[in-house]
Amino acid sequence: MWFLKYLLLALIVTFFISCYRGENDTGYIEPNKTYGWEKLTLDTNQYGFLEKAVLFNNAIYTAGNCYFKSTDGGVTWNSWFSGKLNCYSLFADSASLFMCTNKGIYRMDKTETEPQLISDNVGFAISASNNNCLYGTWFLPGENSPSGYLSTDRGVTWNFILNEVLSSGAYLTDNYLYESGNTGGKGFSIYRISIDEQRTITNLGKIGSLYGSYSITSGGGRLLAADCDGIYYLNTSGTWTNVFMESCFNPFYNFGKNIYTGNNSLYVSRDSGYTWHERTIPDQSREIGNVFEVGNYTYLQTAYNLWRIRQTDL
């Protein structure tokens, strides 16, 4: 009799665990369940693959082997570029939209309607801007990992700054670039590099158990870094302290109080990086391509779709 009681109890526990996993556990995605996200109308099966979606000049731009634009938050879409290019990196700051393509780097400023070729460098991926300088990574022939380059003329020319770059998201301020790599063979670490003529390099140490950081930003007046061991902040003693123990392989998407990163889930902070919580990605690809905010909505671009959710629901 006691055996049947324990068996019944085990079945009940298993049932509740299964229900919980269907709602919360990132190890399982229940088919056709959106977890509060709204899927937008961009049909990539019709248009092609969605390499990147970014917010620029109050509109959402997408690129890949298709180029579409929405001025109403993703409800309707129109073509914005008819060129026959493969765009593998799309980046925007407050002044310009940049396309890194198989033909070179294109730039479209706010006053322009078509991107213009500004550099024939192929293989670049622009990842940071302070609206004066741009930072990008470049795979040179024969290299196993990319190197970091800085541009002071809005992407026309590029100067080497760091080799064997590890991060997926560097951080650029008015005076410094924060990046992880193996600069000058000094060892894999997080570095602060002055962007003046001296290019002074300061080693800020490692985080986690691997070679260095995958993403760097700031929040609440602290420097934040993330890798496969979680999210860390640089404390006043010059050491790194863990604040969230989940693997992070995506860049930080920083909007002040709201900061996002992730891996197979979206990690959200509503208090400038002090606390974090996990949000299930609704797409079966579970890949984060970009995160941005429009009004009261947070937008999530995955490998094939564009989603949005009210920030109050995150």
Protein backbone atom coordinates (compact mmCIF):
# COMPACT_ATOMS: atom_id res chain seq x y z
CA MET A 1 0.00 0.00 0.00
CA TRP A 2 2.79 2.40 0.90
CA PHE A 3 4.36 1.73 -2.49
CA LEU A 4 1.21 2.87 -4.31
CA LYS A 5 1.09 6.05 -2.22
CA TYR A 6 4.66 6.96 -3.13
CA LEU A 7 4.00 6.12 -6.78
CA LEU A 8 0.95 8.40 -6.81
CA LEU A 9 2.95 11.19 -5.16
CA ALA A 10 5.74 10.82 -7.73
CA LEU A 11 3.25 11.07 -10.59
CA ILE A 12 1.72 14.25 -9.12
CA VAL A 13 5.14 15.86 -8.68
CA THR A 14 6.13 14.91 -12.24
CA PHE A 15 2.92 16.48 -13.56
CA PHE A 16 3.55 19.81 -11.83
CA ILE A 17 7.18 19.86 -12.96
CA SER A 18 6.04 19.30 -16.55
CA CYS A 19 3.57 22.18 -16.29
CA TYR A 20 6.24 24.42 -14.82
CA ARG A 21 8.69 23.58 -17.58
CA GLY A 22 6.12 24.43 -20.22
CA GLU A 23 5.79 27.94 -18.77
CA ASN A 24 9.23 28.80 -17.46
CA ASP A 25 12.11 26.42 -18.11
CA THR A 26 14.28 27.45 -21.05
CA GLY A 27 15.13 23.80 -21.63
CA TYR A 28 11.73 23.33 -23.22
CA ILE A 29 9.72 25.46 -25.65
CA GLU A 30 6.05 24.53 -25.88
CA PRO A 31 4.97 24.65 -29.56
CA ASN A 32 2.94 27.72 -30.60
CA LYS A 33 3.28 29.32 -27.16
CA THR A 34 4.45 32.94 -27.29
CA TYR A 35 5.03 33.56 -23.56
CA GLY A 36 3.52 37.05 -23.82
CA TRP A 37 5.44 38.05 -26.96
CA GLU A 38 3.67 39.38 -30.06
CA LYS A 39 5.00 38.14 -33.39
CA LEU A 40 5.19 40.92 -35.97
CA THR A 41 4.13 40.58 -39.59
CA LEU A 42 7.53 40.43 -41.27
CA ASP A 43 7.40 37.10 -43.14
CA THR A 44 10.99 35.95 -43.65
CA ASN A 45 9.82 32.87 -45.54
CA GLN A 46 8.68 35.32 -48.21
CA TYR A 47 11.37 37.97 -47.87
CA GLY A 48 14.46 35.87 -47.07
CA PHE A 49 16.61 35.49 -43.97
CA LEU A 50 16.60 38.14 -41.26
CA GLU A 51 20.23 38.95 -40.50
CA LYS A 52 19.59 42.04 -38.40
CA ALA A 53 16.86 44.43 -37.30
CA VAL A 54 17.84 47.82 -35.85
CA LEU A 55 16.14 51.04 -34.80
CA PHE A 56 17.29 54.13 -36.72
CA ASN A 57 15.71 57.57 -37.12
CA ASN A 58 12.41 56.42 -35.54
CA ALA A 59 12.05 53.47 -37.92
CA ILE A 60 12.89 49.76 -37.81
CA TYR A 61 15.26 48.60 -40.55
CA THR A 62 15.97 44.98 -41.45
CA ALA A 63 18.70 43.53 -43.62
CA GLY A 64 20.04 40.20 -44.83
CA ASN A 65 19.25 39.28 -48.40
CA CYS A 66 16.13 41.40 -47.94
CA TYR A 67 15.75 45.04 -46.89
CA PHE A 68 12.54 46.19 -45.22
CA LYS A 69 11.55 49.19 -43.14
CA SER A 70 8.70 49.88 -40.74
CA THR A 71 7.67 53.30 -39.46
CA ASP A 72 4.75 52.05 -37.33
CA GLY A 73 6.52 49.78 -34.86
CA GLY A 74 6.61 46.71 -37.09
CA VAL A 75 2.92 46.53 -38.09
CA THR A 76 3.53 47.24 -41.80
CA TRP A 77 6.70 46.96 -43.90
CA ASN A 78 8.09 48.48 -47.11
CA SER A 79 11.28 47.92 -49.08
CA TRP A 80 13.99 50.51 -48.39
CA PHE A 81 16.96 49.30 -50.45
CA SER A 82 16.99 47.57 -53.83
CA GLY A 83 20.70 46.83 -54.11
CA LYS A 84 21.84 43.26 -54.73
CA LEU A 85 24.03 42.91 -51.65
CA ASN A 86 24.42 40.34 -48.91
CA CYS A 87 24.40 42.26 -45.64
CA TYR A 88 25.85 40.30 -42.72
CA SER A 89 26.00 43.13 -40.17
CA LEU A 90 23.68 46.09 -39.66
CA PHE A 91 24.50 48.79 -37.09
CA ALA A 92 22.92 52.14 -36.22
CA ASP A 93 23.73 55.02 -33.91
CA SER A 94 21.95 58.36 -33.54
CA ALA A 95 23.50 59.78 -36.73
CA SER A 96 23.88 56.96 -39.28
CA LEU A 97 22.94 53.47 -40.39
CA PHE A 98 25.83 51.18 -41.39
CA MET A 99 25.67 48.08 -43.59
CA CYS A 100 28.63 45.69 -43.67
CA THR A 101 28.22 43.71 -46.88
CA ASN A 102 30.00 41.43 -49.31
CA LYS A 103 30.94 44.57 -51.31
CA GLY A 104 32.14 46.76 -48.45
CA ILE A 105 30.75 49.15 -45.84
CA TYR A 106 27.76 51.34 -46.70
CA ARG A 107 26.50 54.31 -44.66
CA MET A 108 23.20 56.16 -44.71
CA ASP A 109 22.96 59.40 -42.72
CA LYS A 110 19.69 60.80 -41.40
CA THR A 111 19.30 63.18 -44.33
CA GLU A 112 19.82 60.41 -46.93
CA THR A 113 17.39 57.90 -48.41
CA GLU A 114 19.92 55.44 -49.90
CA PRO A 115 23.11 54.02 -48.32
CA GLN A 116 26.40 55.04 -49.91
CA LEU A 117 29.56 52.93 -50.24
CA ILE A 118 32.22 54.47 -47.96
CA SER A 119 34.79 51.64 -47.67
CA ASP A 120 35.61 48.59 -49.76
CA ASN A 121 36.68 46.62 -46.65
CA VAL A 122 34.88 43.29 -46.57
CA GLY A 123 34.57 41.24 -43.38
CA PHE A 124 33.83 44.05 -40.93
CA ALA A 125 31.19 43.97 -38.19
CA ILE A 126 30.58 47.31 -36.45
CA SER A 127 29.58 46.87 -32.81
CA ALA A 128 30.05 50.15 -30.91
CA SER A 129 29.86 53.93 -31.34
CA ASN A 130 30.19 57.07 -29.25
CA ASN A 131 28.85 59.17 -32.15
CA ASN A 132 32.39 60.38 -32.89
CA CYS A 133 34.26 57.09 -33.19
CA LEU A 134 33.21 53.67 -34.42
CA TYR A 135 34.57 50.32 -33.32
CA GLY A 136 34.43 47.19 -35.42
CA THR A 137 35.98 43.75 -35.74
CA TRP A 138 37.60 42.35 -38.86
CA PHE A 139 38.63 38.84 -39.84
CA LEU A 140 41.92 39.11 -41.69
CA PRO A 141 43.01 36.29 -44.04
CA GLY A 142 44.74 33.50 -42.10
CA GLU A 143 43.50 34.66 -38.69
CA ASN A 144 41.54 32.35 -36.39
CA SER A 145 39.90 35.21 -34.50
CA PRO A 146 39.04 38.79 -35.46
CA SER A 147 41.00 41.93 -34.62
CA GLY A 148 39.56 45.22 -33.38
CA TYR A 149 39.70 48.46 -35.37
CA LEU A 150 38.73 52.06 -34.62
CA SER A 151 37.42 54.64 -37.08
CA THR A 152 37.45 58.38 -36.40
CA ASP A 153 35.89 59.39 -39.75
CA ARG A 154 32.56 57.56 -39.53
CA GLY A 155 33.69 54.31 -41.13
CA VAL A 156 35.78 55.48 -44.09
CA THR A 157 39.18 54.45 -42.69
CA TRP A 158 40.05 52.04 -39.89
CA ASN A 159 43.06 51.74 -37.56
CA PHE A 160 44.17 48.58 -35.75
CA ILE A 161 43.71 48.67 -31.97
CA LEU A 162 43.53 45.10 -30.57
CA ASN A 163 44.21 41.60 -31.85
CA GLU A 164 42.56 38.24 -31.09
CA VAL A 165 39.32 39.83 -29.96
CA LEU A 166 36.99 37.65 -27.87
CA SER A 167 33.95 39.79 -27.13
CA SER A 168 30.66 39.94 -28.98
CA GLY A 169 29.98 43.44 -27.65
CA ALA A 170 32.62 46.06 -26.94
CA TYR A 171 31.86 49.25 -25.02
CA LEU A 172 32.94 52.66 -26.29
CA THR A 173 32.85 55.89 -24.27
CA ASP A 174 34.06 59.37 -25.18
CA ASN A 175 37.56 58.54 -23.94
CA TYR A 176 37.96 54.77 -23.79
CA LEU A 177 37.27 51.51 -25.58
CA TYR A 178 36.56 48.49 -23.38
CA GLU A 179 37.23 45.20 -25.12
CA SER A 180 38.56 41.72 -24.40
CA GLY A 181 41.32 40.05 -26.33
CA ASN A 182 45.00 39.12 -26.44
CA THR A 183 46.57 42.46 -27.16
CA GLY A 184 50.27 42.24 -27.99
CA GLY A 185 50.44 38.71 -26.62
CA LYS A 186 49.83 39.95 -23.07
CA GLY A 187 47.20 37.29 -22.43
CA PHE A 188 43.44 37.11 -22.77
CA SER A 189 41.82 39.69 -20.52
CA ILE A 190 39.52 42.71 -20.44
CA TYR A 191 41.30 45.88 -21.54
CA ARG A 192 40.62 49.60 -21.32
CA ILE A 193 42.20 51.41 -24.26
CA SER A 194 42.38 55.19 -24.53
CA ILE A 195 41.16 56.43 -27.90
CA ASP A 196 43.56 59.37 -28.01
CA GLU A 197 46.85 59.27 -29.92
CA GLN A 198 48.65 57.52 -27.05
CA ARG A 199 46.36 54.44 -27.14
CA THR A 200 47.18 53.69 -23.49
CA ILE A 201 46.21 50.10 -22.60
CA THR A 202 45.13 49.10 -19.07
CA ASN A 203 44.53 45.46 -18.11
CA LEU A 204 41.32 45.16 -16.06
CA GLY A 205 41.65 41.43 -15.42
CA LYS A 206 39.59 38.38 -16.31
CA ILE A 207 36.12 37.23 -15.41
CA GLY A 208 34.84 33.69 -15.19
CA SER A 209 36.82 30.60 -16.07
CA LEU A 210 37.53 31.12 -19.78
CA TYR A 211 39.78 33.53 -21.60
CA GLY A 212 37.83 36.75 -21.15
CA SER A 213 34.59 38.61 -21.52
CA TYR A 214 32.04 38.20 -24.28
CA SER A 215 30.26 41.51 -23.69
CA ILE A 216 30.99 44.75 -21.82
CA THR A 217 28.84 47.76 -20.88
CA SER A 218 28.15 50.05 -17.92
CA GLY A 219 25.23 50.25 -15.54
CA GLY A 220 24.59 52.14 -12.34
CA GLY A 221 28.01 53.76 -12.55
CA ARG A 222 29.76 50.36 -12.71
CA LEU A 223 31.46 48.49 -15.52
CA LEU A 224 29.62 45.26 -16.38
CA ALA A 225 31.00 42.24 -18.22
CA ALA A 226 29.49 38.86 -19.12
CA ASP A 227 30.72 35.46 -20.26
CA CYS A 228 29.71 31.81 -20.00
CA ASP A 229 29.93 31.98 -16.19
CA GLY A 230 27.49 34.87 -15.84
CA ILE A 231 27.40 38.64 -15.37
CA TYR A 232 29.99 40.51 -13.31
CA TYR A 233 30.68 44.08 -12.22
CA LEU A 234 34.03 45.74 -11.56
CA ASN A 235 34.11 46.81 -7.91
CA THR A 236 36.13 49.63 -6.37
CA SER A 237 38.96 47.25 -5.39
CA GLY A 238 39.58 46.41 -9.04
CA THR A 239 38.19 42.86 -8.93
CA TRP A 240 35.15 41.38 -10.64
CA THR A 241 32.09 40.26 -8.64
CA ASN A 242 29.40 37.93 -10.00
CA VAL A 243 25.79 39.18 -9.89
CA PHE A 244 24.03 36.64 -12.15
CA MET A 245 25.13 33.06 -12.73
CA GLU A 246 23.79 32.24 -16.20
CA SER A 247 25.78 31.82 -19.41
CA CYS A 248 25.77 34.94 -21.59
CA PHE A 249 27.01 34.86 -25.18
CA ASN A 250 25.12 37.87 -26.54
CA PRO A 251 26.11 41.53 -26.33
CA PHE A 252 24.57 43.83 -23.77
CA TYR A 253 21.72 45.92 -25.16
CA ASN A 254 21.79 48.95 -22.89
CA PHE A 255 18.95 51.47 -22.53
CA GLY A 256 19.86 53.02 -19.19
CA LYS A 257 17.79 51.37 -16.49
CA ASN A 258 16.77 48.57 -18.85
CA ILE A 259 19.66 46.33 -19.92
CA TYR A 260 19.35 43.05 -21.84
CA THR A 261 21.65 40.16 -22.73
CA GLY A 262 21.22 36.41 -23.02
CA ASN A 263 22.04 33.05 -24.48
CA ASN A 264 19.15 30.68 -25.16
CA SER A 265 17.03 32.93 -22.97
CA LEU A 266 16.69 36.69 -22.67
CA TYR A 267 18.13 38.11 -19.44
CA VAL A 268 16.57 41.37 -18.30
CA SER A 269 17.62 43.99 -15.76
CA ARG A 270 15.24 46.82 -14.89
CA ASP A 271 17.63 48.52 -12.44
CA SER A 272 20.80 49.28 -14.46
CA GLY A 273 22.34 45.83 -13.99
CA TYR A 274 22.00 45.33 -10.23
CA THR A 275 19.47 42.48 -10.48
CA TRP A 276 18.55 40.18 -13.36
CA HIS A 277 15.78 37.77 -14.32
CA GLU A 278 15.22 35.32 -17.15
CA ARG A 279 12.61 35.57 -19.93
CA THR A 280 11.81 32.74 -22.32
CA ILE A 281 12.48 33.40 -26.02
CA PRO A 282 9.33 32.53 -28.02
CA ASP A 283 11.16 31.48 -31.19
CA GLN A 284 12.22 27.88 -31.77
CA SER A 285 15.61 29.14 -33.00
CA ARG A 286 16.20 30.63 -29.52
CA GLU A 287 18.83 32.91 -31.06
CA ILE A 288 19.03 36.60 -30.13
CA GLY A 289 19.97 38.80 -33.08
CA ASN A 290 19.20 42.17 -31.53
CA VAL A 291 17.14 43.86 -28.82
CA PHE A 292 15.86 47.43 -28.92
CA GLU A 293 13.11 49.56 -27.43
CA VAL A 294 10.38 51.57 -29.16
CA GLY A 295 8.11 53.49 -26.82
CA ASN A 296 6.72 51.13 -24.17
CA TYR A 297 7.71 47.99 -26.12
CA THR A 298 10.84 45.87 -26.15
CA TYR A 299 11.63 44.30 -29.53
CA LEU A 300 13.46 41.00 -29.93
CA GLN A 301 14.94 39.92 -33.25
CA THR A 302 15.63 36.21 -33.60
CA ALA A 303 17.02 34.25 -36.53
CA TYR A 304 13.73 34.25 -38.44
CA ASN A 305 11.25 36.56 -36.72
CA LEU A 306 10.73 39.88 -35.00
CA TRP A 307 8.81 39.95 -31.72
CA ARG A 308 7.72 42.62 -29.27
CA ILE A 309 6.41 42.71 -25.71
CA ARG A 310 5.21 45.45 -23.40
CA GLN A 311 7.98 46.37 -21.01
CA THR A 312 5.54 46.06 -18.11
CA ASP A 313 5.20 42.34 -19.03
CA LEU A 314 8.92 41.60 -18.92
